[in-house]
Amino acid sequence: MSTRAKSRLKIILDERGISIRKCAELADLKFETVRKMYNDEAKQYQRDTLGSLCKALNCEISDLLELIEE
């Protein structure tokens, strides 16, 4: 069994009624970057991306990512 980081961005955006495109605009990120994180398809998380999302969404990194067992 392994542990991995899972994106919670979909949960956050859905709760707040924010689209992927709007989130990308707010965080000044590429749509594709936010889409991959939203769909939990990102292979790695860039520090700058996490920082931009946290600032735009007024949240902590721990709100964006969770550890899961696979």
PDB file of N, CA and C in Angstrom:
ATOM      1  N   MET A   1       0.849  -1.180   0.000  1.00  0.00           N
ATOM      2  CA  MET A   1       0.000   0.000   0.000  1.00  0.00           C
ATOM      3  C   MET A   1       0.897   1.247   0.000  1.00  0.00           C
ATOM      4  N   SER A   2       0.540   2.208  -0.810  1.00  0.00           N
ATOM      5  CA  SER A   2       1.335   3.442  -0.884  1.00  0.00           C
ATOM      6  C   SER A   2       0.478   4.650  -0.514  1.00  0.00           C
ATOM      7  N   THR A   3       1.149   5.719  -0.177  1.00  0.00           N
ATOM      8  CA  THR A   3       0.486   6.970   0.179  1.00  0.00           C
ATOM      9  C   THR A   3       0.783   8.001  -0.899  1.00  0.00           C
ATOM     10  N   ARG A   4      -0.220   8.777  -1.270  1.00  0.00           N
ATOM     11  CA  ARG A   4      -0.018   9.837  -2.261  1.00  0.00           C
ATOM     12  C   ARG A   4      -0.836  11.057  -1.897  1.00  0.00           C
ATOM     13  N   ALA A   5      -0.430  12.186  -2.469  1.00  0.00           N
ATOM     14  CA  ALA A   5      -1.174  13.435  -2.283  1.00  0.00           C
ATOM     15  C   ALA A   5      -2.333  13.471  -3.283  1.00  0.00           C
ATOM     16  N   LYS A   6      -3.494  13.856  -2.816  1.00  0.00           N
ATOM     17  CA  LYS A   6      -4.681  13.980  -3.669  1.00  0.00           C
ATOM     18  C   LYS A   6      -5.167  15.417  -3.613  1.00  0.00           C
ATOM     19  N   SER A   7      -5.516  15.945  -4.772  1.00  0.00           N
ATOM     20  CA  SER A   7      -6.014  17.308  -4.860  1.00  0.00           C
ATOM     21  C   SER A   7      -7.452  17.399  -4.350  1.00  0.00           C
ATOM     22  N   ARG A   8      -7.712  18.448  -3.573  1.00  0.00           N
ATOM     23  CA  ARG A   8      -9.059  18.746  -3.081  1.00  0.00           C
ATOM     24  C   ARG A   8      -9.627  19.989  -3.784  1.00  0.00           C
ATOM     25  N   LEU A   9      -8.968  20.417  -4.865  1.00  0.00           N
ATOM     26  CA  LEU A   9      -9.383  21.644  -5.548  1.00  0.00           C
ATOM     27  C   LEU A   9     -10.816  21.551  -6.057  1.00  0.00           C
ATOM     28  N   LYS A  10     -11.214  20.402  -6.583  1.00  0.00           N
ATOM     29  CA  LYS A  10     -12.582  20.234  -7.088  1.00  0.00           C
ATOM     30  C   LYS A  10     -13.593  20.501  -5.976  1.00  0.00           C
ATOM     31  N   ILE A  11     -13.345  19.955  -4.805  1.00  0.00           N
ATOM     32  CA  ILE A  11     -14.254  20.140  -3.669  1.00  0.00           C
ATOM     33  C   ILE A  11     -14.361  21.626  -3.314  1.00  0.00           C
ATOM     34  N   ILE A  12     -13.219  22.288  -3.237  1.00  0.00           N
ATOM     35  CA  ILE A  12     -13.197  23.711  -2.867  1.00  0.00           C
ATOM     36  C   ILE A  12     -13.934  24.567  -3.896  1.00  0.00           C
ATOM     37  N   LEU A  13     -13.614  24.362  -5.176  1.00  0.00           N
ATOM     38  CA  LEU A  13     -14.248  25.180  -6.217  1.00  0.00           C
ATOM     39  C   LEU A  13     -15.738  24.897  -6.316  1.00  0.00           C
ATOM     40  N   ASP A  14     -16.132  23.619  -6.210  1.00  0.00           N
ATOM     41  CA  ASP A  14     -17.552  23.282  -6.287  1.00  0.00           C
ATOM     42  C   ASP A  14     -18.325  23.900  -5.116  1.00  0.00           C
ATOM     43  N   GLU A  15     -17.747  23.853  -3.917  1.00  0.00           N
ATOM     44  CA  GLU A  15     -18.405  24.447  -2.747  1.00  0.00           C
ATOM     45  C   GLU A  15     -18.590  25.954  -2.908  1.00  0.00           C
ATOM     46  N   ARG A  16     -17.631  26.594  -3.566  1.00  0.00           N
ATOM     47  CA  ARG A  16     -17.667  28.052  -3.711  1.00  0.00           C
ATOM     48  C   ARG A  16     -18.316  28.508  -5.007  1.00  0.00           C
ATOM     49  N   GLY A  17     -18.671  27.573  -5.869  1.00  0.00           N
ATOM     50  CA  GLY A  17     -19.298  27.920  -7.138  1.00  0.00           C
ATOM     51  C   GLY A  17     -18.356  28.633  -8.090  1.00  0.00           C
ATOM     52  N   ILE A  18     -17.081  28.267  -8.053  1.00  0.00           N
ATOM     53  CA  ILE A  18     -16.067  28.885  -8.913  1.00  0.00           C
ATOM     54  C   ILE A  18     -15.686  27.900 -10.013  1.00  0.00           C
ATOM     55  N   SER A  19     -15.674  28.367 -11.244  1.00  0.00           N
ATOM     56  CA  SER A  19     -15.293  27.514 -12.367  1.00  0.00           C
ATOM     57  C   SER A  19     -13.773  27.375 -12.443  1.00  0.00           C
ATOM     58  N   ILE A  20     -13.334  26.379 -13.171  1.00  0.00           N
ATOM     59  CA  ILE A  20     -11.892  26.178 -13.380  1.00  0.00           C
ATOM     60  C   ILE A  20     -11.308  27.417 -14.056  1.00  0.00           C
ATOM     61  N   ARG A  21     -11.996  27.920 -15.062  1.00  0.00           N
ATOM     62  CA  ARG A  21     -11.502  29.093 -15.798  1.00  0.00           C
ATOM     63  C   ARG A  21     -11.391  30.318 -14.886  1.00  0.00           C
ATOM     64  N   LYS A  22     -12.403  30.532 -14.051  1.00  0.00           N
ATOM     65  CA  LYS A  22     -12.379  31.677 -13.132  1.00  0.00           C
ATOM     66  C   LYS A  22     -11.254  31.516 -12.117  1.00  0.00           C
ATOM     67  N   CYS A  23     -11.055  30.309 -11.615  1.00  0.00           N
ATOM     68  CA  CYS A  23      -9.976  30.053 -10.674  1.00  0.00           C
ATOM     69  C   CYS A  23      -8.624  30.345 -11.320  1.00  0.00           C
ATOM     70  N   ALA A  24      -8.459  29.918 -12.556  1.00  0.00           N
ATOM     71  CA  ALA A  24      -7.206  30.169 -13.279  1.00  0.00           C
ATOM     72  C   ALA A  24      -6.966  31.675 -13.415  1.00  0.00           C
ATOM     73  N   GLU A  25      -8.020  32.434 -13.689  1.00  0.00           N
ATOM     74  CA  GLU A  25      -7.891  33.892 -13.796  1.00  0.00           C
ATOM     75  C   GLU A  25      -7.520  34.500 -12.444  1.00  0.00           C
ATOM     76  N   LEU A  26      -8.205  34.088 -11.395  1.00  0.00           N
ATOM     77  CA  LEU A  26      -7.952  34.631 -10.053  1.00  0.00           C
ATOM     78  C   LEU A  26      -6.518  34.353  -9.591  1.00  0.00           C
ATOM     79  N   ALA A  27      -6.021  33.160  -9.920  1.00  0.00           N
ATOM     80  CA  ALA A  27      -4.693  32.755  -9.468  1.00  0.00           C
ATOM     81  C   ALA A  27      -3.603  33.103 -10.477  1.00  0.00           C
ATOM     82  N   ASP A  28      -3.995  33.666 -11.625  1.00  0.00           N
ATOM     83  CA  ASP A  28      -3.057  33.999 -12.697  1.00  0.00           C
ATOM     84  C   ASP A  28      -2.248  32.765 -13.113  1.00  0.00           C
ATOM     85  N   LEU A  29      -2.996  31.675 -13.364  1.00  0.00           N
ATOM     86  CA  LEU A  29      -2.395  30.415 -13.801  1.00  0.00           C
ATOM     87  C   LEU A  29      -3.014  29.991 -15.129  1.00  0.00           C
ATOM     88  N   LYS A  30      -2.347  29.078 -15.815  1.00  0.00           N
ATOM     89  CA  LYS A  30      -2.890  28.544 -17.061  1.00  0.00           C
ATOM     90  C   LYS A  30      -4.085  27.656 -16.745  1.00  0.00           C
ATOM     91  N   PHE A  31      -5.088  27.724 -17.620  1.00  0.00           N
ATOM     92  CA  PHE A  31      -6.295  26.912 -17.452  1.00  0.00           C
ATOM     93  C   PHE A  31      -5.935  25.440 -17.307  1.00  0.00           C
ATOM     94  N   GLU A  32      -5.047  24.952 -18.148  1.00  0.00           N
ATOM     95  CA  GLU A  32      -4.685  23.530 -18.141  1.00  0.00           C
ATOM     96  C   GLU A  32      -4.060  23.104 -16.811  1.00  0.00           C
ATOM     97  N   THR A  33      -3.283  23.976 -16.203  1.00  0.00           N
ATOM     98  CA  THR A  33      -2.674  23.683 -14.905  1.00  0.00           C
ATOM     99  C   THR A  33      -3.758  23.488 -13.852  1.00  0.00           C
ATOM    100  N   VAL A  34      -4.727  24.377 -13.826  1.00  0.00           N
ATOM    101  CA  VAL A  34      -5.816  24.300 -12.847  1.00  0.00           C
ATOM    102  C   VAL A  34      -6.719  23.111 -13.166  1.00  0.00           C
ATOM    103  N   ARG A  35      -6.971  22.862 -14.434  1.00  0.00           N
ATOM    104  CA  ARG A  35      -7.825  21.730 -14.827  1.00  0.00           C
ATOM    105  C   ARG A  35      -7.222  20.408 -14.358  1.00  0.00           C
ATOM    106  N   LYS A  36      -5.921  20.249 -14.540  1.00  0.00           N
ATOM    107  CA  LYS A  36      -5.263  19.011 -14.117  1.00  0.00           C
ATOM    108  C   LYS A  36      -5.354  18.828 -12.604  1.00  0.00           C
ATOM    109  N   MET A  37      -5.187  19.900 -11.873  1.00  0.00           N
ATOM    110  CA  MET A  37      -5.286  19.800 -10.419  1.00  0.00           C
ATOM    111  C   MET A  37      -6.734  19.546  -9.997  1.00  0.00           C
ATOM    112  N   TYR A  38      -7.669  20.203 -10.644  1.00  0.00           N
ATOM    113  CA  TYR A  38      -9.095  20.023 -10.360  1.00  0.00           C
ATOM    114  C   TYR A  38      -9.497  18.561 -10.538  1.00  0.00           C
ATOM    115  N   ASN A  39      -9.008  17.946 -11.603  1.00  0.00           N
ATOM    116  CA  ASN A  39      -9.337  16.545 -11.913  1.00  0.00           C
ATOM    117  C   ASN A  39      -8.380  15.554 -11.262  1.00  0.00           C
ATOM    118  N   ASP A  40      -7.496  16.026 -10.400  1.00  0.00           N
ATOM    119  CA  ASP A  40      -6.509  15.195  -9.709  1.00  0.00           C
ATOM    120  C   ASP A  40      -5.660  14.400 -10.708  1.00  0.00           C
ATOM    121  N   GLU A  41      -5.247  15.068 -11.783  1.00  0.00           N
ATOM    122  CA  GLU A  41      -4.418  14.443 -12.818  1.00  0.00           C
ATOM    123  C   GLU A  41      -2.978  14.936 -12.787  1.00  0.00           C
ATOM    124  N   ALA A  42      -2.680  15.895 -11.933  1.00  0.00           N
ATOM    125  CA  ALA A  42      -1.324  16.455 -11.866  1.00  0.00           C
ATOM    126  C   ALA A  42      -0.362  15.409 -11.312  1.00  0.00           C
ATOM    127  N   LYS A  43       0.782  15.261 -11.947  1.00  0.00           N
ATOM    128  CA  LYS A  43       1.805  14.315 -11.500  1.00  0.00           C
ATOM    129  C   LYS A  43       2.647  14.905 -10.378  1.00  0.00           C
ATOM    130  N   GLN A  44       2.751  16.228 -10.373  1.00  0.00           N
ATOM    131  CA  GLN A  44       3.509  16.918  -9.338  1.00  0.00           C
ATOM    132  C   GLN A  44       2.881  18.291  -9.127  1.00  0.00           C
ATOM    133  N   TYR A  45       3.179  18.890  -7.986  1.00  0.00           N
ATOM    134  CA  TYR A  45       2.610  20.186  -7.642  1.00  0.00           C
ATOM    135  C   TYR A  45       3.739  21.196  -7.491  1.00  0.00           C
ATOM    136  N   GLN A  46       3.724  22.220  -8.322  1.00  0.00           N
ATOM    137  CA  GLN A  46       4.734  23.262  -8.259  1.00  0.00           C
ATOM    138  C   GLN A  46       4.445  24.177  -7.068  1.00  0.00           C
ATOM    139  N   ARG A  47       5.480  24.577  -6.382  1.00  0.00           N
ATOM    140  CA  ARG A  47       5.315  25.460  -5.218  1.00  0.00           C
ATOM    141  C   ARG A  47       4.628  26.757  -5.594  1.00  0.00           C
ATOM    142  N   ASP A  48       5.008  27.340  -6.729  1.00  0.00           N
ATOM    143  CA  ASP A  48       4.399  28.601  -7.155  1.00  0.00           C
ATOM    144  C   ASP A  48       2.905  28.429  -7.440  1.00  0.00           C
ATOM    145  N   THR A  49       2.545  27.295  -8.027  1.00  0.00           N
ATOM    146  CA  THR A  49       1.137  27.019  -8.325  1.00  0.00           C
ATOM    147  C   THR A  49       0.335  26.920  -7.033  1.00  0.00           C
ATOM    148  N   LEU A  50       0.848  26.155  -6.075  1.00  0.00           N
ATOM    149  CA  LEU A  50       0.159  26.017  -4.794  1.00  0.00           C
ATOM    150  C   LEU A  50       0.027  27.366  -4.096  1.00  0.00           C
ATOM    151  N   GLY A  51       1.087  28.156  -4.130  1.00  0.00           N
ATOM    152  CA  GLY A  51       1.053  29.482  -3.516  1.00  0.00           C
ATOM    153  C   GLY A  51       0.022  30.390  -4.164  1.00  0.00           C
ATOM    154  N   SER A  52      -0.026  30.384  -5.486  1.00  0.00           N
ATOM    155  CA  SER A  52      -0.998  31.218  -6.210  1.00  0.00           C
ATOM    156  C   SER A  52      -2.426  30.798  -5.904  1.00  0.00           C
ATOM    157  N   LEU A  53      -2.670  29.486  -5.859  1.00  0.00           N
ATOM    158  CA  LEU A  53      -4.015  28.998  -5.556  1.00  0.00           C
ATOM    159  C   LEU A  53      -4.418  29.350  -4.124  1.00  0.00           C
ATOM    160  N   CYS A  54      -3.500  29.163  -3.183  1.00  0.00           N
ATOM    161  CA  CYS A  54      -3.810  29.496  -1.787  1.00  0.00           C
ATOM    162  C   CYS A  54      -4.143  30.975  -1.632  1.00  0.00           C
ATOM    163  N   LYS A  55      -3.370  31.819  -2.285  1.00  0.00           N
ATOM    164  CA  LYS A  55      -3.613  33.257  -2.192  1.00  0.00           C
ATOM    165  C   LYS A  55      -4.957  33.626  -2.831  1.00  0.00           C
ATOM    166  N   ALA A  56      -5.218  33.090  -4.025  1.00  0.00           N
ATOM    167  CA  ALA A  56      -6.455  33.423  -4.744  1.00  0.00           C
ATOM    168  C   ALA A  56      -7.692  32.902  -4.021  1.00  0.00           C
ATOM    169  N   LEU A  57      -7.578  31.739  -3.386  1.00  0.00           N
ATOM    170  CA  LEU A  57      -8.728  31.110  -2.742  1.00  0.00           C
ATOM    171  C   LEU A  57      -8.766  31.358  -1.236  1.00  0.00           C
ATOM    172  N   ASN A  58      -7.769  32.098  -0.733  1.00  0.00           N
ATOM    173  CA  ASN A  58      -7.686  32.400   0.692  1.00  0.00           C
ATOM    174  C   ASN A  58      -7.775  31.111   1.521  1.00  0.00           C
ATOM    175  N   CYS A  59      -6.860  30.187   1.220  1.00  0.00           N
ATOM    176  CA  CYS A  59      -6.850  28.913   1.933  1.00  0.00           C
ATOM    177  C   CYS A  59      -5.407  28.479   2.189  1.00  0.00           C
ATOM    178  N   GLU A  60      -5.245  27.379   2.882  1.00  0.00           N
ATOM    179  CA  GLU A  60      -3.934  26.826   3.194  1.00  0.00           C
ATOM    180  C   GLU A  60      -3.630  25.651   2.260  1.00  0.00           C
ATOM    181  N   ILE A  61      -2.361  25.296   2.158  1.00  0.00           N
ATOM    182  CA  ILE A  61      -1.980  24.140   1.335  1.00  0.00           C
ATOM    183  C   ILE A  61      -2.703  22.890   1.825  1.00  0.00           C
ATOM    184  N   SER A  62      -2.861  22.776   3.128  1.00  0.00           N
ATOM    185  CA  SER A  62      -3.543  21.598   3.685  1.00  0.00           C
ATOM    186  C   SER A  62      -5.014  21.535   3.262  1.00  0.00           C
ATOM    187  N   ASP A  63      -5.580  22.657   2.823  1.00  0.00           N
ATOM    188  CA  ASP A  63      -6.946  22.653   2.289  1.00  0.00           C
ATOM    189  C   ASP A  63      -6.963  22.105   0.865  1.00  0.00           C
ATOM    190  N   LEU A  64      -5.868  22.321   0.136  1.00  0.00           N
ATOM    191  CA  LEU A  64      -5.788  21.910  -1.269  1.00  0.00           C
ATOM    192  C   LEU A  64      -5.382  20.461  -1.462  1.00  0.00           C
ATOM    193  N   LEU A  65      -4.582  19.932  -0.549  1.00  0.00           N
ATOM    194  CA  LEU A  65      -4.055  18.574  -0.710  1.00  0.00           C
ATOM    195  C   LEU A  65      -4.341  17.734   0.527  1.00  0.00           C
ATOM    196  N   GLU A  66      -4.570  16.448   0.296  1.00  0.00           N
ATOM    197  CA  GLU A  66      -4.720  15.498   1.393  1.00  0.00           C
ATOM    198  C   GLU A  66      -3.944  14.239   1.050  1.00  0.00           C
ATOM    199  N   LEU A  67      -3.516  13.512   2.059  1.00  0.00           N
ATOM    200  CA  LEU A  67      -2.814  12.256   1.849  1.00  0.00           C
ATOM    201  C   LEU A  67      -3.819  11.107   1.878  1.00  0.00           C
ATOM    202  N   ILE A  68      -3.704  10.207   0.891  1.00  0.00           N
ATOM    203  CA  ILE A  68      -4.577   9.040   0.845  1.00  0.00           C
ATOM    204  C   ILE A  68      -3.734   7.782   0.683  1.00  0.00           C
ATOM    205  N   GLU A  69      -4.281   6.682   1.163  1.00  0.00           N
ATOM    206  CA  GLU A  69      -3.650   5.365   1.009  1.00  0.00           C
ATOM    207  C   GLU A  69      -4.232   4.702  -0.244  1.00  0.00           C
ATOM    208  N   GLU A  70      -3.331   4.115  -1.031  1.00  0.00           N
ATOM    209  CA  GLU A  70      -3.796   3.410  -2.235  1.00  0.00           C
ATOM    210  C   GLU A  70      -3.454   1.941  -2.133  1.00  0.00           C
TER     211      GLU A  70
END
